[in-house]
């Protein structure tokens, strides 16, 4: 019984460490990265696009974060990533960007077509 509890505790600690690495450590893209999130993309598909562009570390952690922190859905559009940010900041940005936004700071520009 004691070995089982130790094993479960180690698994929980490993999962927490993985989430901390994947969600809170900032990821700096190489140069400017444009990511197009099209209308109808699922959260999983959007996360894969962000991961393949080098904007987030783990698509699975991003999907898990979205599932646990129900915000409005991710907004479609073309996003510019030119500075480092962690997955949580990117998630907030993708959920709160308004289609009517005409001017945004250079580090938080959403070019929506």
N, C-alpha and C. Protein backbone atom coordinates (compact mmCIF):
# COMPACT_ATOMS: atom_id res chain seq x y z
N UNK A 1 0.83 -1.20 0.00
CA UNK A 1 0.00 0.00 0.00
C UNK A 1 0.87 1.25 0.00
N UNK A 2 1.94 1.22 0.78
CA UNK A 2 2.81 2.37 0.87
C UNK A 2 3.51 2.63 -0.47
N UNK A 3 3.90 1.55 -1.17
CA UNK A 3 4.54 1.69 -2.47
C UNK A 3 3.58 2.29 -3.50
N UNK A 4 2.34 1.90 -3.42
CA UNK A 4 1.33 2.44 -4.33
C UNK A 4 1.15 3.94 -4.10
N UNK A 5 1.05 4.36 -2.86
CA UNK A 5 0.90 5.79 -2.56
C UNK A 5 2.13 6.57 -3.00
N UNK A 6 3.32 6.01 -2.80
CA UNK A 6 4.55 6.65 -3.24
C UNK A 6 4.56 6.80 -4.76
N UNK A 7 4.15 5.75 -5.44
CA UNK A 7 4.09 5.79 -6.90
C UNK A 7 3.10 6.85 -7.38
N UNK A 8 1.93 6.91 -6.79
CA UNK A 8 0.93 7.90 -7.17
C UNK A 8 1.40 9.32 -6.89
N UNK A 9 2.10 9.50 -5.79
CA UNK A 9 2.65 10.82 -5.46
C UNK A 9 3.70 11.23 -6.47
N UNK A 10 4.55 10.32 -6.87
CA UNK A 10 5.57 10.62 -7.88
C UNK A 10 4.95 10.94 -9.23
N UNK A 11 3.89 10.23 -9.59
CA UNK A 11 3.18 10.52 -10.84
C UNK A 11 2.54 11.91 -10.80
N UNK A 12 1.95 12.26 -9.68
CA UNK A 12 1.34 13.59 -9.54
C UNK A 12 2.40 14.68 -9.62
N UNK A 13 3.54 14.47 -9.00
CA UNK A 13 4.62 15.46 -9.05
C UNK A 13 5.19 15.59 -10.46
N UNK A 14 5.32 14.48 -11.17
CA UNK A 14 5.82 14.53 -12.54
C UNK A 14 4.83 15.27 -13.45
N UNK A 15 3.56 15.03 -13.26
CA UNK A 15 2.54 15.72 -14.05
C UNK A 15 2.56 17.22 -13.76
N UNK A 16 2.69 17.59 -12.51
CA UNK A 16 2.75 19.01 -12.14
C UNK A 16 3.99 19.67 -12.73
N UNK A 17 5.11 18.98 -12.71
CA UNK A 17 6.34 19.54 -13.29
C UNK A 17 6.19 19.72 -14.80
N UNK A 18 5.58 18.74 -15.47
CA UNK A 18 5.36 18.85 -16.91
C UNK A 18 4.46 20.03 -17.25
N UNK A 19 3.37 20.19 -16.49
CA UNK A 19 2.46 21.31 -16.73
C UNK A 19 3.15 22.65 -16.50
N UNK A 20 3.95 22.74 -15.45
CA UNK A 20 4.68 23.98 -15.18
C UNK A 20 5.63 24.30 -16.34
N UNK A 21 6.34 23.28 -16.83
CA UNK A 21 7.25 23.48 -17.95
C UNK A 21 6.49 23.90 -19.21
N UNK A 22 5.39 23.24 -19.48
CA UNK A 22 4.66 23.47 -20.73
C UNK A 22 3.85 24.76 -20.72
N UNK A 23 3.33 25.16 -19.57
CA UNK A 23 2.42 26.31 -19.53
C UNK A 23 3.07 27.60 -19.07
N UNK A 24 3.94 27.55 -18.09
CA UNK A 24 4.42 28.80 -17.48
C UNK A 24 5.78 29.27 -17.98
N UNK A 25 6.59 28.40 -18.55
CA UNK A 25 7.87 28.86 -19.07
C UNK A 25 7.65 29.52 -20.42
N UNK A 26 8.15 30.74 -20.59
CA UNK A 26 7.94 31.43 -21.86
C UNK A 26 8.68 30.75 -23.01
N UNK A 27 8.09 30.83 -24.17
CA UNK A 27 8.69 30.28 -25.38
C UNK A 27 8.95 31.45 -26.31
N UNK A 28 10.17 31.58 -26.78
CA UNK A 28 10.53 32.68 -27.68
C UNK A 28 10.62 32.15 -29.10
N UNK A 29 9.75 32.62 -29.98
CA UNK A 29 9.82 32.16 -31.37
C UNK A 29 11.06 32.74 -32.05
N UNK A 30 11.56 32.03 -33.05
CA UNK A 30 12.70 32.52 -33.82
C UNK A 30 12.20 33.55 -34.82
N UNK A 31 12.41 34.82 -34.51
CA UNK A 31 11.93 35.88 -35.40
C UNK A 31 10.43 36.06 -35.28
N UNK A 32 9.85 36.60 -36.34
CA UNK A 32 8.41 36.81 -36.36
C UNK A 32 7.72 35.56 -36.89
N UNK A 33 6.69 35.12 -36.18
CA UNK A 33 5.90 33.96 -36.59
C UNK A 33 4.46 34.40 -36.78
N UNK A 34 3.92 34.10 -37.94
CA UNK A 34 2.51 34.33 -38.20
C UNK A 34 1.79 32.99 -38.12
N UNK A 35 0.70 32.95 -37.40
CA UNK A 35 -0.10 31.74 -37.27
C UNK A 35 -1.53 32.08 -37.68
N UNK A 36 -2.05 31.30 -38.63
CA UNK A 36 -3.42 31.50 -39.09
C UNK A 36 -4.32 30.48 -38.42
N UNK A 37 -5.29 30.96 -37.65
CA UNK A 37 -6.30 30.11 -37.04
C UNK A 37 -7.60 30.37 -37.79
N UNK A 38 -8.03 29.40 -38.53
CA UNK A 38 -9.21 29.56 -39.38
C UNK A 38 -10.49 29.30 -38.59
N UNK A 39 -11.57 29.88 -39.06
CA UNK A 39 -12.87 29.65 -38.47
C UNK A 39 -13.20 28.16 -38.54
N UNK A 40 -13.66 27.61 -37.43
CA UNK A 40 -14.02 26.20 -37.38
C UNK A 40 -12.93 25.30 -36.85
N UNK A 41 -11.73 25.85 -36.63
CA UNK A 41 -10.66 25.04 -36.04
C UNK A 41 -11.04 24.65 -34.62
N UNK A 42 -10.80 23.41 -34.28
CA UNK A 42 -11.00 22.98 -32.89
C UNK A 42 -9.84 23.50 -32.05
N UNK A 43 -10.00 23.44 -30.75
CA UNK A 43 -8.91 23.85 -29.85
C UNK A 43 -7.69 22.97 -30.09
N UNK A 44 -7.90 21.70 -30.31
CA UNK A 44 -6.78 20.78 -30.57
C UNK A 44 -6.04 21.15 -31.85
N UNK A 45 -6.78 21.49 -32.90
CA UNK A 45 -6.15 21.88 -34.17
C UNK A 45 -5.40 23.20 -34.02
N UNK A 46 -5.97 24.16 -33.31
CA UNK A 46 -5.30 25.43 -33.08
C UNK A 46 -4.02 25.23 -32.28
N UNK A 47 -4.07 24.35 -31.29
CA UNK A 47 -2.89 24.07 -30.48
C UNK A 47 -1.79 23.42 -31.32
N UNK A 48 -2.18 22.53 -32.23
CA UNK A 48 -1.18 21.91 -33.11
C UNK A 48 -0.53 22.95 -34.03
N UNK A 49 -1.33 23.90 -34.51
CA UNK A 49 -0.78 24.97 -35.35
C UNK A 49 0.21 25.83 -34.57
N UNK A 50 -0.14 26.16 -33.33
CA UNK A 50 0.76 26.96 -32.49
C UNK A 50 2.04 26.20 -32.17
N UNK A 51 1.92 24.92 -31.91
CA UNK A 51 3.09 24.10 -31.60
C UNK A 51 4.01 23.98 -32.81
N UNK A 52 3.43 23.74 -33.98
CA UNK A 52 4.25 23.60 -35.18
C UNK A 52 4.96 24.90 -35.56
N UNK A 53 4.39 26.04 -35.17
CA UNK A 53 5.04 27.33 -35.42
C UNK A 53 6.09 27.66 -34.35
N UNK A 54 6.16 26.86 -33.30
CA UNK A 54 7.14 27.11 -32.25
C UNK A 54 6.72 28.18 -31.26
N UNK A 55 5.42 28.38 -31.11
CA UNK A 55 4.90 29.42 -30.23
C UNK A 55 4.62 28.86 -28.83
N UNK A 56 4.18 27.60 -28.76
CA UNK A 56 3.94 26.96 -27.46
C UNK A 56 4.76 25.67 -27.40
N UNK A 57 4.98 25.18 -26.18
CA UNK A 57 5.79 23.98 -25.99
C UNK A 57 5.00 22.69 -26.18
N UNK A 58 3.76 22.66 -25.73
CA UNK A 58 2.98 21.43 -25.76
C UNK A 58 1.54 21.71 -26.16
N UNK A 59 1.10 21.05 -27.22
CA UNK A 59 -0.29 21.23 -27.64
C UNK A 59 -1.25 20.57 -26.64
N UNK A 60 -0.82 19.45 -26.05
CA UNK A 60 -1.67 18.76 -25.08
C UNK A 60 -1.91 19.61 -23.84
N UNK A 61 -0.87 20.27 -23.34
CA UNK A 61 -1.02 21.13 -22.17
C UNK A 61 -1.92 22.33 -22.49
N UNK A 62 -1.80 22.87 -23.70
CA UNK A 62 -2.63 23.99 -24.11
C UNK A 62 -4.10 23.59 -24.15
N UNK A 63 -4.39 22.41 -24.70
CA UNK A 63 -5.77 21.91 -24.76
C UNK A 63 -6.30 21.66 -23.35
N UNK A 64 -5.48 21.08 -22.50
CA UNK A 64 -5.89 20.84 -21.11
C UNK A 64 -6.20 22.15 -20.39
N UNK A 65 -5.35 23.16 -20.58
CA UNK A 65 -5.57 24.47 -19.96
C UNK A 65 -6.90 25.06 -20.44
N UNK A 66 -7.17 24.96 -21.73
CA UNK A 66 -8.42 25.49 -22.28
C UNK A 66 -9.63 24.75 -21.71
N UNK A 67 -9.50 23.44 -21.55
CA UNK A 67 -10.62 22.66 -21.02
C UNK A 67 -10.89 22.99 -19.56
N UNK A 68 -9.84 23.26 -18.79
CA UNK A 68 -10.02 23.54 -17.36
C UNK A 68 -10.39 24.99 -17.07
N UNK A 69 -10.06 25.90 -17.97
CA UNK A 69 -10.34 27.32 -17.78
C UNK A 69 -11.25 27.78 -18.91
N UNK A 70 -12.48 27.43 -18.79
CA UNK A 70 -13.45 27.74 -19.83
C UNK A 70 -13.58 29.24 -20.02
N UNK A 71 -13.07 29.68 -21.11
CA UNK A 71 -13.22 31.06 -21.55
C UNK A 71 -14.01 31.01 -22.84
N UNK A 72 -14.27 32.15 -23.41
CA UNK A 72 -14.88 32.10 -24.75
C UNK A 72 -13.96 31.33 -25.70
N UNK A 73 -14.51 30.89 -26.79
CA UNK A 73 -13.73 30.09 -27.72
C UNK A 73 -12.56 30.90 -28.29
N UNK A 74 -11.61 30.19 -28.85
CA UNK A 74 -10.46 30.84 -29.46
C UNK A 74 -10.94 31.58 -30.70
N UNK A 75 -10.41 32.76 -30.91
CA UNK A 75 -10.85 33.61 -32.03
C UNK A 75 -10.04 33.30 -33.27
N UNK A 76 -10.72 33.19 -34.40
CA UNK A 76 -10.05 32.95 -35.67
C UNK A 76 -9.33 34.22 -36.11
N UNK A 77 -8.27 34.05 -36.87
CA UNK A 77 -7.54 35.18 -37.41
C UNK A 77 -6.08 34.84 -37.62
N UNK A 78 -5.33 35.81 -38.10
CA UNK A 78 -3.90 35.66 -38.29
C UNK A 78 -3.21 36.42 -37.17
N UNK A 79 -2.35 35.73 -36.45
CA UNK A 79 -1.70 36.30 -35.28
C UNK A 79 -0.20 36.40 -35.51
N UNK A 80 0.36 37.49 -35.05
CA UNK A 80 1.80 37.70 -35.13
C UNK A 80 2.39 37.46 -33.76
N UNK A 81 3.39 36.61 -33.69
CA UNK A 81 4.13 36.34 -32.46
C UNK A 81 5.57 36.73 -32.71
N UNK A 82 6.00 37.80 -32.06
CA UNK A 82 7.38 38.24 -32.26
C UNK A 82 8.16 38.37 -30.95
N UNK A 83 7.52 38.09 -29.84
CA UNK A 83 8.18 38.13 -28.53
C UNK A 83 7.79 36.90 -27.74
N UNK A 84 8.62 36.57 -26.76
CA UNK A 84 8.35 35.41 -25.93
C UNK A 84 7.13 35.59 -25.05
N UNK A 85 6.39 34.53 -24.89
CA UNK A 85 5.22 34.52 -24.01
C UNK A 85 4.97 33.08 -23.60
N UNK A 86 4.35 32.92 -22.44
CA UNK A 86 4.02 31.55 -22.04
C UNK A 86 2.65 31.16 -22.62
N UNK A 87 2.33 29.89 -22.50
CA UNK A 87 1.10 29.37 -23.12
C UNK A 87 -0.16 29.99 -22.51
N UNK A 88 -0.10 30.35 -21.25
CA UNK A 88 -1.28 30.96 -20.60
C UNK A 88 -1.54 32.34 -21.17
N UNK A 89 -0.49 33.13 -21.36
CA UNK A 89 -0.65 34.46 -21.96
C UNK A 89 -1.16 34.36 -23.39
N UNK A 90 -0.65 33.39 -24.14
CA UNK A 90 -1.11 33.19 -25.52
C UNK A 90 -2.58 32.78 -25.53
N UNK A 91 -2.97 31.91 -24.61
CA UNK A 91 -4.37 31.49 -24.51
C UNK A 91 -5.28 32.69 -24.23
N UNK A 92 -4.89 33.53 -23.29
CA UNK A 92 -5.69 34.73 -22.99
C UNK A 92 -5.82 35.61 -24.22
N UNK A 93 -4.73 35.77 -24.93
CA UNK A 93 -4.73 36.61 -26.12
C UNK A 93 -5.65 36.05 -27.20
N UNK A 94 -5.61 34.75 -27.41
CA UNK A 94 -6.43 34.15 -28.45
C UNK A 94 -7.91 34.13 -28.09
N UNK A 95 -8.23 34.17 -26.81
CA UNK A 95 -9.63 34.18 -26.37
C UNK A 95 -10.21 35.58 -26.32
N UNK A 96 -9.37 36.61 -26.17
CA UNK A 96 -9.91 37.95 -25.94
C UNK A 96 -9.78 38.88 -27.13
N UNK A 97 -9.10 38.50 -28.17
CA UNK A 97 -8.92 39.38 -29.30
C UNK A 97 -10.25 39.62 -29.99
N UNK A 98 -10.55 40.86 -30.21
CA UNK A 98 -11.81 41.23 -30.85
C UNK A 98 -11.60 41.39 -32.36
N UNK A 99 -12.57 40.97 -33.13
CA UNK A 99 -12.49 41.14 -34.59
C UNK A 99 -12.46 42.62 -34.97
N UNK A 100 -13.04 43.47 -34.15
CA UNK A 100 -13.10 44.89 -34.47
C UNK A 100 -11.87 45.64 -33.99
N UNK A 101 -10.90 44.96 -33.47
CA UNK A 101 -9.70 45.61 -32.96
C UNK A 101 -8.90 46.16 -34.15
N UNK A 102 -8.70 47.46 -34.19
CA UNK A 102 -7.99 48.05 -35.32
C UNK A 102 -6.53 48.34 -35.00
N UNK A 103 -6.25 48.74 -33.78
CA UNK A 103 -4.88 49.02 -33.40
C UNK A 103 -4.56 48.27 -32.12
N UNK A 104 -3.39 47.68 -32.10
CA UNK A 104 -2.95 46.94 -30.93
C UNK A 104 -1.46 47.20 -30.75
N UNK A 105 -0.94 47.02 -29.55
CA UNK A 105 0.49 47.16 -29.38
C UNK A 105 1.23 46.20 -30.31
N UNK A 106 2.46 46.54 -30.68
CA UNK A 106 3.23 45.73 -31.62
C UNK A 106 3.40 44.30 -31.14
N UNK A 107 3.50 44.11 -29.85
CA UNK A 107 3.70 42.76 -29.34
C UNK A 107 2.43 41.96 -29.26
N UNK A 108 1.29 42.62 -29.47
CA UNK A 108 0.00 41.92 -29.33
C UNK A 108 -0.90 42.25 -30.53
N UNK A 109 -0.34 42.16 -31.72
CA UNK A 109 -1.07 42.54 -32.90
C UNK A 109 -1.82 41.34 -33.47
N UNK A 110 -3.07 41.50 -33.72
CA UNK A 110 -3.84 40.44 -34.40
C UNK A 110 -4.28 41.00 -35.73
N UNK A 111 -3.78 40.43 -36.78
CA UNK A 111 -4.14 40.87 -38.13
C UNK A 111 -5.22 39.94 -38.64
N UNK A 112 -6.43 40.37 -38.49
CA UNK A 112 -7.56 39.51 -38.82
C UNK A 112 -8.05 39.85 -40.21
N UNK A 113 -8.09 38.84 -41.05
CA UNK A 113 -8.49 39.08 -42.43
C UNK A 113 -9.97 38.85 -42.63
